[in-house]
């Protein structure tokens, strides 16, 4: 946990890093900013912990989301800024749910009914189209529809992750497939590469969670 006295300095550092990225016209666009680098490392560790079914994914994820939110704001990916705010709130909720969400006990891995999952997917697409149209009409957002799809599918995957549902990993596979070319097109090459690793990690998480679920079902 960060001590209270460190927080003001941390936010000042983040501001300086974001200002440096956009205030240096001679900066090589292929080189990531310090902000991007730190955000990517924090989020990479967080998703690796999620794949290993570790509750510590939530605490580190909150830090990573704060950094990503600032980074995406600087490159006009406003739907992704909104998404990071959602992630912070749900990370706190997920942190509690994994430890106390099963009648005061640890929440087990489970499956989502197919009909419910299809309904969630349809709702995510409808909301993405509506939000993308709003961003296109009222902001200077880049690729608002794709950015909004990343937003809504991420929301769905995060909600499934909060409830320790196996299908969360299918959601993250979809999110990462969309996110890699989106971030690369904004010259966030390190972040695009990171989301490529997230894509691989989603397969690993799916594999590990399936094994844990099989053990749970045998013991039930």
C-alpha atoms as a PDB file:
ATOM      1  CA  UNK A   1       0.000   0.000   0.000  1.00  0.00           C
ATOM      2  CA  UNK A   2       1.162   3.548  -0.735  1.00  0.00           C
ATOM      3  CA  UNK A   3       1.573   5.806   2.251  1.00  0.00           C
ATOM      4  CA  UNK A   4      -0.505   8.969   2.279  1.00  0.00           C
ATOM      5  CA  UNK A   5       2.543  11.200   2.142  1.00  0.00           C
ATOM      6  CA  UNK A   6       3.715   9.599  -1.090  1.00  0.00           C
ATOM      7  CA  UNK A   7       0.510  10.174  -3.071  1.00  0.00           C
ATOM      8  CA  UNK A   8       0.925  13.923  -3.833  1.00  0.00           C
ATOM      9  CA  UNK A   9       4.432  13.330  -5.106  1.00  0.00           C
ATOM     10  CA  UNK A  10       3.281  10.364  -7.176  1.00  0.00           C
ATOM     11  CA  UNK A  11       0.577  12.383  -8.924  1.00  0.00           C
ATOM     12  CA  UNK A  12       3.070  15.211  -9.522  1.00  0.00           C
ATOM     13  CA  UNK A  13       5.436  12.690 -11.123  1.00  0.00           C
ATOM     14  CA  UNK A  14       2.664  11.340 -13.364  1.00  0.00           C
ATOM     15  CA  UNK A  15       1.805  14.885 -14.488  1.00  0.00           C
ATOM     16  CA  UNK A  16       5.440  15.611 -15.301  1.00  0.00           C
ATOM     17  CA  UNK A  17       5.744  12.406 -17.317  1.00  0.00           C
ATOM     18  CA  UNK A  18       2.624  13.164 -19.338  1.00  0.00           C
ATOM     19  CA  UNK A  19       3.807  16.743 -19.967  1.00  0.00           C
ATOM     20  CA  UNK A  20       7.231  15.443 -21.051  1.00  0.00           C
ATOM     21  CA  UNK A  21       5.657  13.086 -23.576  1.00  0.00           C
ATOM     22  CA  UNK A  22       3.768  15.842 -25.350  1.00  0.00           C
ATOM     23  CA  UNK A  23       6.079  18.739 -24.689  1.00  0.00           C
ATOM     24  CA  UNK A  24       9.095  17.353 -26.536  1.00  0.00           C
ATOM     25  CA  UNK A  25       8.558  17.617 -30.300  1.00  0.00           C
ATOM     26  CA  UNK A  26      11.850  15.879 -31.013  1.00  0.00           C
ATOM     27  CA  UNK A  27      10.881  12.722 -29.115  1.00  0.00           C
ATOM     28  CA  UNK A  28      11.102   9.555 -31.209  1.00  0.00           C
ATOM     29  CA  UNK A  29       7.451   8.355 -31.631  1.00  0.00           C
ATOM     30  CA  UNK A  30       8.667   4.755 -31.446  1.00  0.00           C
ATOM     31  CA  UNK A  31      10.013   5.320 -27.924  1.00  0.00           C
ATOM     32  CA  UNK A  32       7.495   4.917 -25.083  1.00  0.00           C
ATOM     33  CA  UNK A  33       7.105   7.599 -22.454  1.00  0.00           C
ATOM     34  CA  UNK A  34       8.071   6.903 -18.858  1.00  0.00           C
ATOM     35  CA  UNK A  35       4.377   7.048 -17.949  1.00  0.00           C
ATOM     36  CA  UNK A  36       3.518   4.432 -20.559  1.00  0.00           C
ATOM     37  CA  UNK A  37       6.364   2.179 -19.417  1.00  0.00           C
ATOM     38  CA  UNK A  38       5.404   2.264 -15.730  1.00  0.00           C
ATOM     39  CA  UNK A  39       1.699   1.800 -16.506  1.00  0.00           C
ATOM     40  CA  UNK A  40       2.445  -1.200 -18.723  1.00  0.00           C
ATOM     41  CA  UNK A  41       4.629  -2.907 -16.118  1.00  0.00           C
ATOM     42  CA  UNK A  42       2.052  -2.446 -13.353  1.00  0.00           C
ATOM     43  CA  UNK A  43      -0.786  -3.786 -15.492  1.00  0.00           C
ATOM     44  CA  UNK A  44       1.256  -6.693 -16.830  1.00  0.00           C
ATOM     45  CA  UNK A  45       1.981  -7.926 -13.309  1.00  0.00           C
ATOM     46  CA  UNK A  46      -1.678  -7.438 -12.341  1.00  0.00           C
ATOM     47  CA  UNK A  47      -3.023  -9.594 -15.195  1.00  0.00           C
ATOM     48  CA  UNK A  48      -0.426 -12.281 -14.556  1.00  0.00           C
ATOM     49  CA  UNK A  49      -1.668 -12.435 -10.966  1.00  0.00           C
ATOM     50  CA  UNK A  50      -5.255 -12.690 -12.255  1.00  0.00           C
ATOM     51  CA  UNK A  51      -4.338 -15.639 -14.456  1.00  0.00           C
ATOM     52  CA  UNK A  52      -2.799 -17.317 -11.417  1.00  0.00           C
ATOM     53  CA  UNK A  53      -6.047 -16.737  -9.510  1.00  0.00           C
ATOM     54  CA  UNK A  54      -4.304 -14.451  -6.972  1.00  0.00           C
ATOM     55  CA  UNK A  55      -6.327 -11.887  -5.028  1.00  0.00           C
ATOM     56  CA  UNK A  56      -3.386  -9.468  -5.206  1.00  0.00           C
ATOM     57  CA  UNK A  57      -4.340  -8.769  -8.822  1.00  0.00           C
ATOM     58  CA  UNK A  58      -6.855  -6.208  -7.531  1.00  0.00           C
ATOM     59  CA  UNK A  59      -4.542  -3.987  -5.458  1.00  0.00           C
ATOM     60  CA  UNK A  60      -1.868  -3.715  -8.146  1.00  0.00           C
ATOM     61  CA  UNK A  61      -4.553  -3.334 -10.785  1.00  0.00           C
ATOM     62  CA  UNK A  62      -5.828  -0.164  -9.105  1.00  0.00           C
ATOM     63  CA  UNK A  63      -2.390   1.438  -9.426  1.00  0.00           C
ATOM     64  CA  UNK A  64      -2.099   0.361 -13.054  1.00  0.00           C
ATOM     65  CA  UNK A  65      -5.534   1.741 -13.909  1.00  0.00           C
ATOM     66  CA  UNK A  66      -4.699   5.157 -12.456  1.00  0.00           C
ATOM     67  CA  UNK A  67      -1.609   5.311 -14.669  1.00  0.00           C
ATOM     68  CA  UNK A  68      -3.397   4.037 -17.779  1.00  0.00           C
ATOM     69  CA  UNK A  69      -6.218   6.548 -17.279  1.00  0.00           C
ATOM     70  CA  UNK A  70      -3.765   9.439 -17.441  1.00  0.00           C
ATOM     71  CA  UNK A  71      -1.936   7.935 -20.410  1.00  0.00           C
ATOM     72  CA  UNK A  72      -5.097   7.428 -22.490  1.00  0.00           C
ATOM     73  CA  UNK A  73      -6.289  10.951 -21.707  1.00  0.00           C
ATOM     74  CA  UNK A  74      -3.113  12.358 -23.257  1.00  0.00           C
ATOM     75  CA  UNK A  75      -3.789  10.548 -26.564  1.00  0.00           C
ATOM     76  CA  UNK A  76      -7.540  11.322 -26.753  1.00  0.00           C
ATOM     77  CA  UNK A  77      -8.794   7.782 -26.079  1.00  0.00           C
ATOM     78  CA  UNK A  78     -11.575   9.052 -23.832  1.00  0.00           C
ATOM     79  CA  UNK A  79     -13.592   5.831 -23.752  1.00  0.00           C
ATOM     80  CA  UNK A  80     -10.516   4.137 -22.341  1.00  0.00           C
ATOM     81  CA  UNK A  81     -10.189   6.862 -19.697  1.00  0.00           C
ATOM     82  CA  UNK A  82     -13.778   6.118 -18.659  1.00  0.00           C
ATOM     83  CA  UNK A  83     -12.925   2.435 -18.610  1.00  0.00           C
ATOM     84  CA  UNK A  84     -10.021   2.914 -16.196  1.00  0.00           C
ATOM     85  CA  UNK A  85     -12.307   4.733 -13.760  1.00  0.00           C
ATOM     86  CA  UNK A  86     -14.700   1.792 -13.936  1.00  0.00           C
ATOM     87  CA  UNK A  87     -11.819  -0.625 -13.376  1.00  0.00           C
ATOM     88  CA  UNK A  88     -10.736   1.206 -10.229  1.00  0.00           C
ATOM     89  CA  UNK A  89     -14.215   1.005  -8.692  1.00  0.00           C
ATOM     90  CA  UNK A  90     -14.744  -2.639  -9.667  1.00  0.00           C
ATOM     91  CA  UNK A  91     -11.251  -3.593  -8.510  1.00  0.00           C
ATOM     92  CA  UNK A  92     -12.180  -2.513  -4.997  1.00  0.00           C
ATOM     93  CA  UNK A  93     -15.411  -4.524  -5.283  1.00  0.00           C
ATOM     94  CA  UNK A  94     -13.631  -7.541  -6.764  1.00  0.00           C
ATOM     95  CA  UNK A  95     -10.986  -7.429  -4.048  1.00  0.00           C
ATOM     96  CA  UNK A  96     -13.742  -7.808  -1.461  1.00  0.00           C
ATOM     97  CA  UNK A  97     -15.795 -10.345  -3.474  1.00  0.00           C
ATOM     98  CA  UNK A  98     -12.924 -12.782  -3.997  1.00  0.00           C
ATOM     99  CA  UNK A  99     -12.251 -12.887  -0.267  1.00  0.00           C
ATOM    100  CA  UNK A 100     -15.742 -12.491   1.234  1.00  0.00           C
ATOM    101  CA  UNK A 101     -18.258 -12.907  -1.595  1.00  0.00           C
ATOM    102  CA  UNK A 102     -19.250 -16.504  -0.841  1.00  0.00           C
ATOM    103  CA  UNK A 103     -21.301 -15.996   2.341  1.00  0.00           C
ATOM    104  CA  UNK A 104     -18.254 -14.513   4.018  1.00  0.00           C
ATOM    105  CA  UNK A 105     -15.861 -17.047   2.493  1.00  0.00           C
ATOM    106  CA  UNK A 106     -13.634 -17.217  -0.581  1.00  0.00           C
ATOM    107  CA  UNK A 107     -15.472 -17.088  -3.922  1.00  0.00           C
ATOM    108  CA  UNK A 108     -14.936 -20.199  -6.103  1.00  0.00           C
ATOM    109  CA  UNK A 109     -14.502 -20.243  -9.889  1.00  0.00           C
ATOM    110  CA  UNK A 110     -17.805 -20.930 -11.697  1.00  0.00           C
ATOM    111  CA  UNK A 111     -19.423 -20.837 -15.161  1.00  0.00           C
ATOM    112  CA  UNK A 112     -21.903 -18.358 -16.653  1.00  0.00           C
ATOM    113  CA  UNK A 113     -25.128 -19.737 -18.209  1.00  0.00           C
ATOM    114  CA  UNK A 114     -25.003 -19.515 -22.029  1.00  0.00           C
ATOM    115  CA  UNK A 115     -28.252 -17.562 -22.363  1.00  0.00           C
ATOM    116  CA  UNK A 116     -27.119 -14.958 -19.850  1.00  0.00           C
ATOM    117  CA  UNK A 117     -23.735 -14.644 -21.555  1.00  0.00           C
ATOM    118  CA  UNK A 118     -25.325 -14.021 -24.966  1.00  0.00           C
ATOM    119  CA  UNK A 119     -27.534 -11.356 -23.436  1.00  0.00           C
ATOM    120  CA  UNK A 120     -24.526  -9.644 -21.881  1.00  0.00           C
ATOM    121  CA  UNK A 121     -22.703  -9.657 -25.241  1.00  0.00           C
ATOM    122  CA  UNK A 122     -25.679  -8.152 -27.076  1.00  0.00           C
ATOM    123  CA  UNK A 123     -26.006  -5.417 -24.466  1.00  0.00           C
ATOM    124  CA  UNK A 124     -22.280  -4.647 -24.710  1.00  0.00           C
ATOM    125  CA  UNK A 125     -22.524  -4.163 -28.493  1.00  0.00           C
ATOM    126  CA  UNK A 126     -25.608  -1.916 -28.225  1.00  0.00           C
ATOM    127  CA  UNK A 127     -24.005   0.282 -25.568  1.00  0.00           C
ATOM    128  CA  UNK A 128     -20.748   0.484 -27.572  1.00  0.00           C
ATOM    129  CA  UNK A 129     -22.552   1.711 -30.690  1.00  0.00           C
ATOM    130  CA  UNK A 130     -24.493   4.324 -28.711  1.00  0.00           C
ATOM    131  CA  UNK A 131     -21.435   5.557 -26.820  1.00  0.00           C
ATOM    132  CA  UNK A 132     -19.331   5.590 -29.978  1.00  0.00           C
ATOM    133  CA  UNK A 133     -21.883   7.791 -31.709  1.00  0.00           C
ATOM    134  CA  UNK A 134     -21.858  10.204 -28.754  1.00  0.00           C
ATOM    135  CA  UNK A 135     -18.067  10.421 -28.801  1.00  0.00           C
ATOM    136  CA  UNK A 136     -18.082  10.979 -32.573  1.00  0.00           C
ATOM    137  CA  UNK A 137     -20.666  13.747 -32.276  1.00  0.00           C
ATOM    138  CA  UNK A 138     -19.422  15.667 -29.253  1.00  0.00           C
ATOM    139  CA  UNK A 139     -15.658  15.016 -28.898  1.00  0.00           C
ATOM    140  CA  UNK A 140     -12.459  14.752 -30.930  1.00  0.00           C
ATOM    141  CA  UNK A 141     -12.135  11.066 -29.968  1.00  0.00           C
ATOM    142  CA  UNK A 142     -10.034   8.819 -32.172  1.00  0.00           C
ATOM    143  CA  UNK A 143     -11.731   5.651 -33.552  1.00  0.00           C
ATOM    144  CA  UNK A 144     -14.727   6.110 -31.245  1.00  0.00           C
ATOM    145  CA  UNK A 145     -16.555   2.907 -32.235  1.00  0.00           C
ATOM    146  CA  UNK A 146     -13.579   0.578 -31.778  1.00  0.00           C
ATOM    147  CA  UNK A 147     -12.581   2.406 -28.599  1.00  0.00           C
ATOM    148  CA  UNK A 148     -16.139   2.002 -27.293  1.00  0.00           C
ATOM    149  CA  UNK A 149     -16.161  -1.714 -28.108  1.00  0.00           C
ATOM    150  CA  UNK A 150     -12.961  -2.084 -26.101  1.00  0.00           C
ATOM    151  CA  UNK A 151     -14.730  -0.220 -23.303  1.00  0.00           C
ATOM    152  CA  UNK A 152     -17.935  -2.281 -23.191  1.00  0.00           C
ATOM    153  CA  UNK A 153     -16.324  -5.684 -23.705  1.00  0.00           C
ATOM    154  CA  UNK A 154     -13.808  -4.802 -20.985  1.00  0.00           C
ATOM    155  CA  UNK A 155     -16.663  -3.890 -18.651  1.00  0.00           C
ATOM    156  CA  UNK A 156     -18.278  -7.252 -19.327  1.00  0.00           C
ATOM    157  CA  UNK A 157     -15.021  -9.166 -18.835  1.00  0.00           C
ATOM    158  CA  UNK A 158     -14.280  -7.259 -15.629  1.00  0.00           C
ATOM    159  CA  UNK A 159     -17.718  -7.999 -14.166  1.00  0.00           C
ATOM    160  CA  UNK A 160     -17.214 -11.682 -14.938  1.00  0.00           C
ATOM    161  CA  UNK A 161     -13.760 -11.529 -13.352  1.00  0.00           C
ATOM    162  CA  UNK A 162     -15.234  -9.974 -10.207  1.00  0.00           C
ATOM    163  CA  UNK A 163     -17.514 -13.005  -9.857  1.00  0.00           C
ATOM    164  CA  UNK A 164     -14.654 -15.414 -10.718  1.00  0.00           C
ATOM    165  CA  UNK A 165     -16.461 -16.668 -13.820  1.00  0.00           C
ATOM    166  CA  UNK A 166     -14.470 -18.773 -16.285  1.00  0.00           C
ATOM    167  CA  UNK A 167     -15.869 -16.860 -19.274  1.00  0.00           C
ATOM    168  CA  UNK A 168     -13.986 -13.726 -18.240  1.00  0.00           C
ATOM    169  CA  UNK A 169     -11.009 -15.017 -20.238  1.00  0.00           C
ATOM    170  CA  UNK A 170     -13.002 -15.246 -23.467  1.00  0.00           C
ATOM    171  CA  UNK A 171     -13.951 -11.627 -22.877  1.00  0.00           C
ATOM    172  CA  UNK A 172     -10.348 -10.560 -22.402  1.00  0.00           C
ATOM    173  CA  UNK A 173      -9.337 -12.407 -25.575  1.00  0.00           C
ATOM    174  CA  UNK A 174     -11.860 -10.323 -27.497  1.00  0.00           C
ATOM    175  CA  UNK A 175     -10.801  -7.072 -25.813  1.00  0.00           C
ATOM    176  CA  UNK A 176      -7.115  -7.619 -26.493  1.00  0.00           C
ATOM    177  CA  UNK A 177      -7.739  -8.544 -30.131  1.00  0.00           C
ATOM    178  CA  UNK A 178      -9.357  -5.124 -30.641  1.00  0.00           C
ATOM    179  CA  UNK A 179      -6.974  -3.162 -28.421  1.00  0.00           C
ATOM    180  CA  UNK A 180      -3.657  -4.132 -30.030  1.00  0.00           C
ATOM    181  CA  UNK A 181      -4.241  -2.434 -33.421  1.00  0.00           C
ATOM    182  CA  UNK A 182      -6.066   0.487 -31.758  1.00  0.00           C
ATOM    183  CA  UNK A 183      -3.148   1.411 -29.509  1.00  0.00           C
ATOM    184  CA  UNK A 184      -0.585   0.797 -32.253  1.00  0.00           C
ATOM    185  CA  UNK A 185      -2.446   3.277 -34.472  1.00  0.00           C
ATOM    186  CA  UNK A 186      -1.934   5.945 -31.744  1.00  0.00           C
ATOM    187  CA  UNK A 187       1.814   5.176 -31.569  1.00  0.00           C
ATOM    188  CA  UNK A 188       1.446   3.512 -28.175  1.00  0.00           C
ATOM    189  CA  UNK A 189       3.610   0.684 -29.434  1.00  0.00           C
ATOM    190  CA  UNK A 190       4.711  -0.567 -26.040  1.00  0.00           C
ATOM    191  CA  UNK A 191       1.118  -0.659 -24.822  1.00  0.00           C
ATOM    192  CA  UNK A 192       0.054  -2.447 -28.021  1.00  0.00           C
ATOM    193  CA  UNK A 193       2.763  -5.016 -27.389  1.00  0.00           C
ATOM    194  CA  UNK A 194       1.627  -5.316 -23.788  1.00  0.00           C
ATOM    195  CA  UNK A 195      -1.926  -6.063 -24.902  1.00  0.00           C
ATOM    196  CA  UNK A 196      -0.466  -8.725 -27.165  1.00  0.00           C
ATOM    197  CA  UNK A 197       0.998 -10.280 -24.019  1.00  0.00           C
ATOM    198  CA  UNK A 198      -2.394  -9.842 -22.335  1.00  0.00           C
ATOM    199  CA  UNK A 199      -3.890 -11.851 -25.218  1.00  0.00           C
ATOM    200  CA  UNK A 200      -1.452 -14.688 -24.532  1.00  0.00           C
ATOM    201  CA  UNK A 201      -2.062 -14.393 -20.800  1.00  0.00           C
ATOM    202  CA  UNK A 202      -5.822 -14.749 -21.376  1.00  0.00           C
ATOM    203  CA  UNK A 203      -5.203 -18.167 -22.930  1.00  0.00           C
ATOM    204  CA  UNK A 204      -3.016 -19.065 -19.952  1.00  0.00           C
ATOM    205  CA  UNK A 205      -5.668 -17.845 -17.511  1.00  0.00           C
ATOM    206  CA  UNK A 206      -8.351 -19.847 -19.302  1.00  0.00           C
ATOM    207  CA  UNK A 207      -6.185 -22.960 -19.067  1.00  0.00           C
ATOM    208  CA  UNK A 208      -5.399 -22.534 -15.362  1.00  0.00           C
ATOM    209  CA  UNK A 209      -8.945 -21.623 -14.347  1.00  0.00           C
ATOM    210  CA  UNK A 210     -10.324 -24.642 -16.192  1.00  0.00           C
ATOM    211  CA  UNK A 211      -7.992 -26.884 -14.213  1.00  0.00           C
ATOM    212  CA  UNK A 212      -8.990 -25.273 -10.915  1.00  0.00           C
ATOM    213  CA  UNK A 213     -12.680 -25.584 -11.828  1.00  0.00           C
ATOM    214  CA  UNK A 214     -12.237 -29.274 -12.639  1.00  0.00           C
ATOM    215  CA  UNK A 215     -10.685 -29.845  -9.224  1.00  0.00           C
ATOM    216  CA  UNK A 216     -13.536 -27.948  -7.555  1.00  0.00           C
ATOM    217  CA  UNK A 217     -16.119 -30.037  -9.416  1.00  0.00           C
ATOM    218  CA  UNK A 218     -14.433 -33.308  -8.423  1.00  0.00           C
ATOM    219  CA  UNK A 219     -14.383 -32.276  -4.768  1.00  0.00           C
ATOM    220  CA  UNK A 220     -17.973 -31.036  -4.775  1.00  0.00           C
END
